[in-house]
Amino acid sequence: MKWLLCINNKDYPASLEAMKLYKQLDDPTAEQLGMVRIIDESGEDYLYANSLFIQVPAVFGNHIDMALSV
């Protein structure tokens, strides 16, 4: 599973929390358009600009997955 860190919620303060980790949902079409699909604070999945996030390196993402599965 891919994890993203929100680095900018300026335009979406009710939907995104800066410095919070979000799971990236698989959406190849969105990725081609420079967007990412995540489950935001509303609990629904939405598209956001890729520039609002940085991808967490896979090695850390694996540790996050393991920690959450306990």
PDB file of N, CA and C in Angstrom:
ATOM      1  N   MET A   1       0.849  -1.174   0.000  1.00  0.00           N
ATOM      2  CA  MET A   1       0.000   0.000   0.000  1.00  0.00           C
ATOM      3  C   MET A   1       0.894   1.236   0.000  1.00  0.00           C
ATOM      4  N   LYS A   2       0.502   2.245  -0.748  1.00  0.00           N
ATOM      5  CA  LYS A   2       1.258   3.490  -0.791  1.00  0.00           C
ATOM      6  C   LYS A   2       0.695   4.471   0.236  1.00  0.00           C
ATOM      7  N   TRP A   3       1.606   5.192   0.861  1.00  0.00           N
ATOM      8  CA  TRP A   3       1.236   6.207   1.838  1.00  0.00           C
ATOM      9  C   TRP A   3       1.732   7.559   1.367  1.00  0.00           C
ATOM     10  N   LEU A   4       0.923   8.588   1.602  1.00  0.00           N
ATOM     11  CA  LEU A   4       1.269   9.954   1.232  1.00  0.00           C
ATOM     12  C   LEU A   4       1.209  10.834   2.465  1.00  0.00           C
ATOM     13  N   LEU A   5       2.109  11.797   2.537  1.00  0.00           N
ATOM     14  CA  LEU A   5       2.117  12.776   3.614  1.00  0.00           C
ATOM     15  C   LEU A   5       1.602  14.091   3.051  1.00  0.00           C
ATOM     16  N   CYS A   6       0.533  14.609   3.624  1.00  0.00           N
ATOM     17  CA  CYS A   6      -0.018  15.888   3.178  1.00  0.00           C
ATOM     18  C   CYS A   6       0.932  17.005   3.610  1.00  0.00           C
ATOM     19  N   ILE A   7       1.376  17.806   2.649  1.00  0.00           N
ATOM     20  CA  ILE A   7       2.287  18.907   2.956  1.00  0.00           C
ATOM     21  C   ILE A   7       1.636  20.272   2.747  1.00  0.00           C
ATOM     22  N   ASN A   8       0.412  20.282   2.231  1.00  0.00           N
ATOM     23  CA  ASN A   8      -0.268  21.551   1.982  1.00  0.00           C
ATOM     24  C   ASN A   8      -1.776  21.316   1.959  1.00  0.00           C
ATOM     25  N   ASN A   9      -2.481  21.876   2.932  1.00  0.00           N
ATOM     26  CA  ASN A   9      -3.942  21.751   2.952  1.00  0.00           C
ATOM     27  C   ASN A   9      -4.615  23.113   2.815  1.00  0.00           C
ATOM     28  N   LYS A  10      -3.882  24.097   2.352  1.00  0.00           N
ATOM     29  CA  LYS A  10      -4.354  25.487   2.306  1.00  0.00           C
ATOM     30  C   LYS A  10      -5.745  25.625   1.675  1.00  0.00           C
ATOM     31  N   ASP A  11      -5.964  24.976   0.560  1.00  0.00           N
ATOM     32  CA  ASP A  11      -7.252  25.106  -0.135  1.00  0.00           C
ATOM     33  C   ASP A  11      -8.303  24.105   0.345  1.00  0.00           C
ATOM     34  N   TYR A  12      -7.910  23.189   1.227  1.00  0.00           N
ATOM     35  CA  TYR A  12      -8.820  22.133   1.678  1.00  0.00           C
ATOM     36  C   TYR A  12      -8.717  21.900   3.184  1.00  0.00           C
ATOM     37  N   PRO A  13      -8.826  22.934   4.011  1.00  0.00           N
ATOM     38  CA  PRO A  13      -8.603  22.747   5.453  1.00  0.00           C
ATOM     39  C   PRO A  13      -9.610  21.812   6.126  1.00  0.00           C
ATOM     40  N   ALA A  14     -10.812  21.698   5.583  1.00  0.00           N
ATOM     41  CA  ALA A  14     -11.808  20.801   6.180  1.00  0.00           C
ATOM     42  C   ALA A  14     -11.624  19.359   5.714  1.00  0.00           C
ATOM     43  N   SER A  15     -10.920  19.177   4.597  1.00  0.00           N
ATOM     44  CA  SER A  15     -10.794  17.850   4.001  1.00  0.00           C
ATOM     45  C   SER A  15      -9.453  17.178   4.238  1.00  0.00           C
ATOM     46  N   LEU A  16      -8.402  17.992   4.428  1.00  0.00           N
ATOM     47  CA  LEU A  16      -7.055  17.460   4.600  1.00  0.00           C
ATOM     48  C   LEU A  16      -6.400  18.069   5.827  1.00  0.00           C
ATOM     49  N   GLU A  17      -5.577  17.284   6.493  1.00  0.00           N
ATOM     50  CA  GLU A  17      -4.782  17.779   7.610  1.00  0.00           C
ATOM     51  C   GLU A  17      -3.318  17.771   7.191  1.00  0.00           C
ATOM     52  N   ALA A  18      -2.670  18.928   7.293  1.00  0.00           N
ATOM     53  CA  ALA A  18      -1.250  19.001   6.971  1.00  0.00           C
ATOM     54  C   ALA A  18      -0.470  18.094   7.910  1.00  0.00           C
ATOM     55  N   MET A  19       0.547  17.454   7.377  1.00  0.00           N
ATOM     56  CA  MET A  19       1.448  16.560   8.104  1.00  0.00           C
ATOM     57  C   MET A  19       0.764  15.268   8.565  1.00  0.00           C
ATOM     58  N   LYS A  20      -0.336  14.921   7.924  1.00  0.00           N
ATOM     59  CA  LYS A  20      -1.020  13.660   8.228  1.00  0.00           C
ATOM     60  C   LYS A  20      -0.769  12.670   7.096  1.00  0.00           C
ATOM     61  N   LEU A  21      -0.665  11.399   7.455  1.00  0.00           N
ATOM     62  CA  LEU A  21      -0.506  10.342   6.464  1.00  0.00           C
ATOM     63  C   LEU A  21      -1.862   9.920   5.923  1.00  0.00           C
ATOM     64  N   TYR A  22      -1.903   9.718   4.607  1.00  0.00           N
ATOM     65  CA  TYR A  22      -3.112   9.236   3.940  1.00  0.00           C
ATOM     66  C   TYR A  22      -2.750   8.048   3.061  1.00  0.00           C
ATOM     67  N   LYS A  23      -3.647   7.063   2.998  1.00  0.00           N
ATOM     68  CA  LYS A  23      -3.461   5.934   2.095  1.00  0.00           C
ATOM     69  C   LYS A  23      -3.794   6.382   0.682  1.00  0.00           C
ATOM     70  N   GLN A  24      -2.926   6.042  -0.253  1.00  0.00           N
ATOM     71  CA  GLN A  24      -3.208   6.328  -1.651  1.00  0.00           C
ATOM     72  C   GLN A  24      -3.936   5.134  -2.243  1.00  0.00           C
ATOM     73  N   LEU A  25      -5.092   5.388  -2.821  1.00  0.00           N
ATOM     74  CA  LEU A  25      -5.858   4.338  -3.480  1.00  0.00           C
ATOM     75  C   LEU A  25      -5.392   4.223  -4.921  1.00  0.00           C
ATOM     76  N   ASP A  26      -5.428   3.032  -5.450  1.00  0.00           N
ATOM     77  CA  ASP A  26      -4.972   2.790  -6.816  1.00  0.00           C
ATOM     78  C   ASP A  26      -5.936   3.431  -7.815  1.00  0.00           C
ATOM     79  N   ASP A  27      -5.415   4.347  -8.627  1.00  0.00           N
ATOM     80  CA  ASP A  27      -6.206   5.003  -9.669  1.00  0.00           C
ATOM     81  C   ASP A  27      -5.252   5.461 -10.771  1.00  0.00           C
ATOM     82  N   PRO A  28      -4.907   4.551 -11.694  1.00  0.00           N
ATOM     83  CA  PRO A  28      -3.948   4.882 -12.746  1.00  0.00           C
ATOM     84  C   PRO A  28      -4.360   6.079 -13.603  1.00  0.00           C
ATOM     85  N   THR A  29      -5.643   6.236 -13.859  1.00  0.00           N
ATOM     86  CA  THR A  29      -6.107   7.371 -14.663  1.00  0.00           C
ATOM     87  C   THR A  29      -5.824   8.681 -13.952  1.00  0.00           C
ATOM     88  N   ALA A  30      -6.106   8.738 -12.662  1.00  0.00           N
ATOM     89  CA  ALA A  30      -5.834   9.947 -11.882  1.00  0.00           C
ATOM     90  C   ALA A  30      -4.344  10.258 -11.884  1.00  0.00           C
ATOM     91  N   GLU A  31      -3.513   9.224 -11.724  1.00  0.00           N
ATOM     92  CA  GLU A  31      -2.069   9.424 -11.689  1.00  0.00           C
ATOM     93  C   GLU A  31      -1.563  10.003 -13.003  1.00  0.00           C
ATOM     94  N   GLN A  32      -2.150   9.589 -14.121  1.00  0.00           N
ATOM     95  CA  GLN A  32      -1.763  10.138 -15.423  1.00  0.00           C
ATOM     96  C   GLN A  32      -2.082  11.624 -15.515  1.00  0.00           C
ATOM     97  N   LEU A  33      -3.061  12.079 -14.734  1.00  0.00           N
ATOM     98  CA  LEU A  33      -3.475  13.483 -14.739  1.00  0.00           C
ATOM     99  C   LEU A  33      -2.801  14.297 -13.633  1.00  0.00           C
ATOM    100  N   GLY A  34      -1.847  13.690 -12.919  1.00  0.00           N
ATOM    101  CA  GLY A  34      -1.153  14.395 -11.846  1.00  0.00           C
ATOM    102  C   GLY A  34      -1.972  14.514 -10.576  1.00  0.00           C
ATOM    103  N   MET A  35      -2.889  13.574 -10.390  1.00  0.00           N
ATOM    104  CA  MET A  35      -3.762  13.576  -9.221  1.00  0.00           C
ATOM    105  C   MET A  35      -3.530  12.295  -8.421  1.00  0.00           C
ATOM    106  N   VAL A  36      -3.973  12.328  -7.172  1.00  0.00           N
ATOM    107  CA  VAL A  36      -3.955  11.129  -6.330  1.00  0.00           C
ATOM    108  C   VAL A  36      -5.337  10.964  -5.716  1.00  0.00           C
ATOM    109  N   ARG A  37      -5.709   9.718  -5.509  1.00  0.00           N
ATOM    110  CA  ARG A  37      -6.992   9.416  -4.870  1.00  0.00           C
ATOM    111  C   ARG A  37      -6.701   8.939  -3.456  1.00  0.00           C
ATOM    112  N   ILE A  38      -7.299   9.623  -2.491  1.00  0.00           N
ATOM    113  CA  ILE A  38      -7.126   9.257  -1.085  1.00  0.00           C
ATOM    114  C   ILE A  38      -8.482   9.273  -0.396  1.00  0.00           C
ATOM    115  N   ILE A  39      -8.529   8.701   0.786  1.00  0.00           N
ATOM    116  CA  ILE A  39      -9.708   8.844   1.642  1.00  0.00           C
ATOM    117  C   ILE A  39      -9.407  10.016   2.561  1.00  0.00           C
ATOM    118  N   ASP A  40     -10.177  11.084   2.407  1.00  0.00           N
ATOM    119  CA  ASP A  40      -9.895  12.307   3.167  1.00  0.00           C
ATOM    120  C   ASP A  40     -10.653  12.318   4.493  1.00  0.00           C
ATOM    121  N   GLU A  41     -10.687  13.468   5.135  1.00  0.00           N
ATOM    122  CA  GLU A  41     -11.297  13.585   6.465  1.00  0.00           C
ATOM    123  C   GLU A  41     -12.805  13.357   6.462  1.00  0.00           C
ATOM    124  N   SER A  42     -13.444  13.428   5.298  1.00  0.00           N
ATOM    125  CA  SER A  42     -14.880  13.149   5.214  1.00  0.00           C
ATOM    126  C   SER A  42     -15.161  11.649   5.267  1.00  0.00           C
ATOM    127  N   GLY A  43     -14.105  10.847   5.077  1.00  0.00           N
ATOM    128  CA  GLY A  43     -14.273   9.404   5.035  1.00  0.00           C
ATOM    129  C   GLY A  43     -14.564   8.877   3.642  1.00  0.00           C
ATOM    130  N   GLU A  44     -14.618   9.772   2.674  1.00  0.00           N
ATOM    131  CA  GLU A  44     -14.873   9.401   1.280  1.00  0.00           C
ATOM    132  C   GLU A  44     -13.588   9.534   0.476  1.00  0.00           C
ATOM    133  N   ASP A  45     -13.530   8.834  -0.668  1.00  0.00           N
ATOM    134  CA  ASP A  45     -12.346   8.979  -1.510  1.00  0.00           C
ATOM    135  C   ASP A  45     -12.557  10.094  -2.526  1.00  0.00           C
ATOM    136  N   TYR A  46     -11.531  10.925  -2.648  1.00  0.00           N
ATOM    137  CA  TYR A  46     -11.549  12.065  -3.563  1.00  0.00           C
ATOM    138  C   TYR A  46     -10.194  12.206  -4.227  1.00  0.00           C
ATOM    139  N   LEU A  47     -10.188  12.938  -5.325  1.00  0.00           N
ATOM    140  CA  LEU A  47      -8.951  13.249  -6.034  1.00  0.00           C
ATOM    141  C   LEU A  47      -8.398  14.581  -5.562  1.00  0.00           C
ATOM    142  N   TYR A  48      -7.082  14.619  -5.408  1.00  0.00           N
ATOM    143  CA  TYR A  48      -6.375  15.848  -5.053  1.00  0.00           C
ATOM    144  C   TYR A  48      -5.128  15.946  -5.913  1.00  0.00           C
ATOM    145  N   ALA A  49      -4.640  17.157  -6.077  1.00  0.00           N
ATOM    146  CA  ALA A  49      -3.408  17.365  -6.827  1.00  0.00           C
ATOM    147  C   ALA A  49      -2.249  16.661  -6.131  1.00  0.00           C
ATOM    148  N   ASN A  50      -1.437  16.011  -6.913  1.00  0.00           N
ATOM    149  CA  ASN A  50      -0.267  15.310  -6.400  1.00  0.00           C
ATOM    150  C   ASN A  50       0.665  16.252  -5.634  1.00  0.00           C
ATOM    151  N   SER A  51       0.666  17.524  -6.005  1.00  0.00           N
ATOM    152  CA  SER A  51       1.572  18.501  -5.392  1.00  0.00           C
ATOM    153  C   SER A  51       1.251  18.783  -3.923  1.00  0.00           C
ATOM    154  N   LEU A  52       0.106  18.335  -3.439  1.00  0.00           N
ATOM    155  CA  LEU A  52      -0.263  18.544  -2.037  1.00  0.00           C
ATOM    156  C   LEU A  52       0.364  17.505  -1.111  1.00  0.00           C
ATOM    157  N   PHE A  53       1.033  16.521  -1.694  1.00  0.00           N
ATOM    158  CA  PHE A  53       1.539  15.381  -0.935  1.00  0.00           C
ATOM    159  C   PHE A  53       2.965  15.038  -1.343  1.00  0.00           C
ATOM    160  N   ILE A  54       3.640  14.341  -0.438  1.00  0.00           N
ATOM    161  CA  ILE A  54       4.877  13.663  -0.807  1.00  0.00           C
ATOM    162  C   ILE A  54       4.676  12.189  -0.503  1.00  0.00           C
ATOM    163  N   GLN A  55       5.257  11.354  -1.353  1.00  0.00           N
ATOM    164  CA  GLN A  55       5.103   9.914  -1.159  1.00  0.00           C
ATOM    165  C   GLN A  55       6.073   9.436  -0.090  1.00  0.00           C
ATOM    166  N   VAL A  56       5.558   8.628   0.809  1.00  0.00           N
ATOM    167  CA  VAL A  56       6.378   8.020   1.853  1.00  0.00           C
ATOM    168  C   VAL A  56       7.153   6.874   1.205  1.00  0.00           C
ATOM    169  N   PRO A  57       8.471   6.811   1.404  1.00  0.00           N
ATOM    170  CA  PRO A  57       9.242   5.706   0.819  1.00  0.00           C
ATOM    171  C   PRO A  57       8.657   4.351   1.212  1.00  0.00           C
ATOM    172  N   ALA A  58       8.716   3.409   0.286  1.00  0.00           N
ATOM    173  CA  ALA A  58       8.084   2.097   0.474  1.00  0.00           C
ATOM    174  C   ALA A  58       8.531   1.399   1.750  1.00  0.00           C
ATOM    175  N   VAL A  59       9.798   1.518   2.109  1.00  0.00           N
ATOM    176  CA  VAL A  59      10.281   0.835   3.311  1.00  0.00           C
ATOM    177  C   VAL A  59       9.536   1.334   4.549  1.00  0.00           C
ATOM    178  N   PHE A  60       9.259   2.625   4.620  1.00  0.00           N
ATOM    179  CA  PHE A  60       8.502   3.165   5.750  1.00  0.00           C
ATOM    180  C   PHE A  60       7.031   2.784   5.644  1.00  0.00           C
ATOM    181  N   GLY A  61       6.509   2.790   4.414  1.00  0.00           N
ATOM    182  CA  GLY A  61       5.120   2.394   4.203  1.00  0.00           C
ATOM    183  C   GLY A  61       4.864   0.979   4.677  1.00  0.00           C
ATOM    184  N   ASN A  62       5.842   0.081   4.441  1.00  0.00           N
ATOM    185  CA  ASN A  62       5.709  -1.303   4.907  1.00  0.00           C
ATOM    186  C   ASN A  62       5.646  -1.358   6.427  1.00  0.00           C
ATOM    187  N   HIS A  63       6.448  -0.540   7.092  1.00  0.00           N
ATOM    188  CA  HIS A  63       6.428  -0.497   8.559  1.00  0.00           C
ATOM    189  C   HIS A  63       5.090   0.052   9.066  1.00  0.00           C
ATOM    190  N   ILE A  64       4.552   1.036   8.372  1.00  0.00           N
ATOM    191  CA  ILE A  64       3.249   1.595   8.755  1.00  0.00           C
ATOM    192  C   ILE A  64       2.179   0.512   8.635  1.00  0.00           C
ATOM    193  N   ASP A  65       2.190  -0.204   7.516  1.00  0.00           N
ATOM    194  CA  ASP A  65       1.215  -1.286   7.315  1.00  0.00           C
ATOM    195  C   ASP A  65       1.306  -2.329   8.424  1.00  0.00           C
ATOM    196  N   MET A  66       2.537  -2.718   8.775  1.00  0.00           N
ATOM    197  CA  MET A  66       2.718  -3.726   9.829  1.00  0.00           C
ATOM    198  C   MET A  66       2.230  -3.200  11.175  1.00  0.00           C
ATOM    199  N   ALA A  67       2.522  -1.951  11.481  1.00  0.00           N
ATOM    200  CA  ALA A  67       2.107  -1.377  12.763  1.00  0.00           C
ATOM    201  C   ALA A  67       0.588  -1.304  12.870  1.00  0.00           C
ATOM    202  N   LEU A  68      -0.071  -0.991  11.770  1.00  0.00           N
ATOM    203  CA  LEU A  68      -1.525  -0.858  11.790  1.00  0.00           C
ATOM    204  C   LEU A  68      -2.238  -2.207  11.780  1.00  0.00           C
ATOM    205  N   SER A  69      -1.540  -3.254  11.400  1.00  0.00           N
ATOM    206  CA  SER A  69      -2.182  -4.571  11.340  1.00  0.00           C
ATOM    207  C   SER A  69      -2.125  -5.309  12.673  1.00  0.00           C
ATOM    208  N   VAL A  70      -1.438  -4.748  13.640  1.00  0.00           N
ATOM    209  CA  VAL A  70      -1.304  -5.403  14.955  1.00  0.00           C
ATOM    210  C   VAL A  70      -2.566  -5.216  15.756  1.00  0.00           C
TER     211      VAL A  70
END
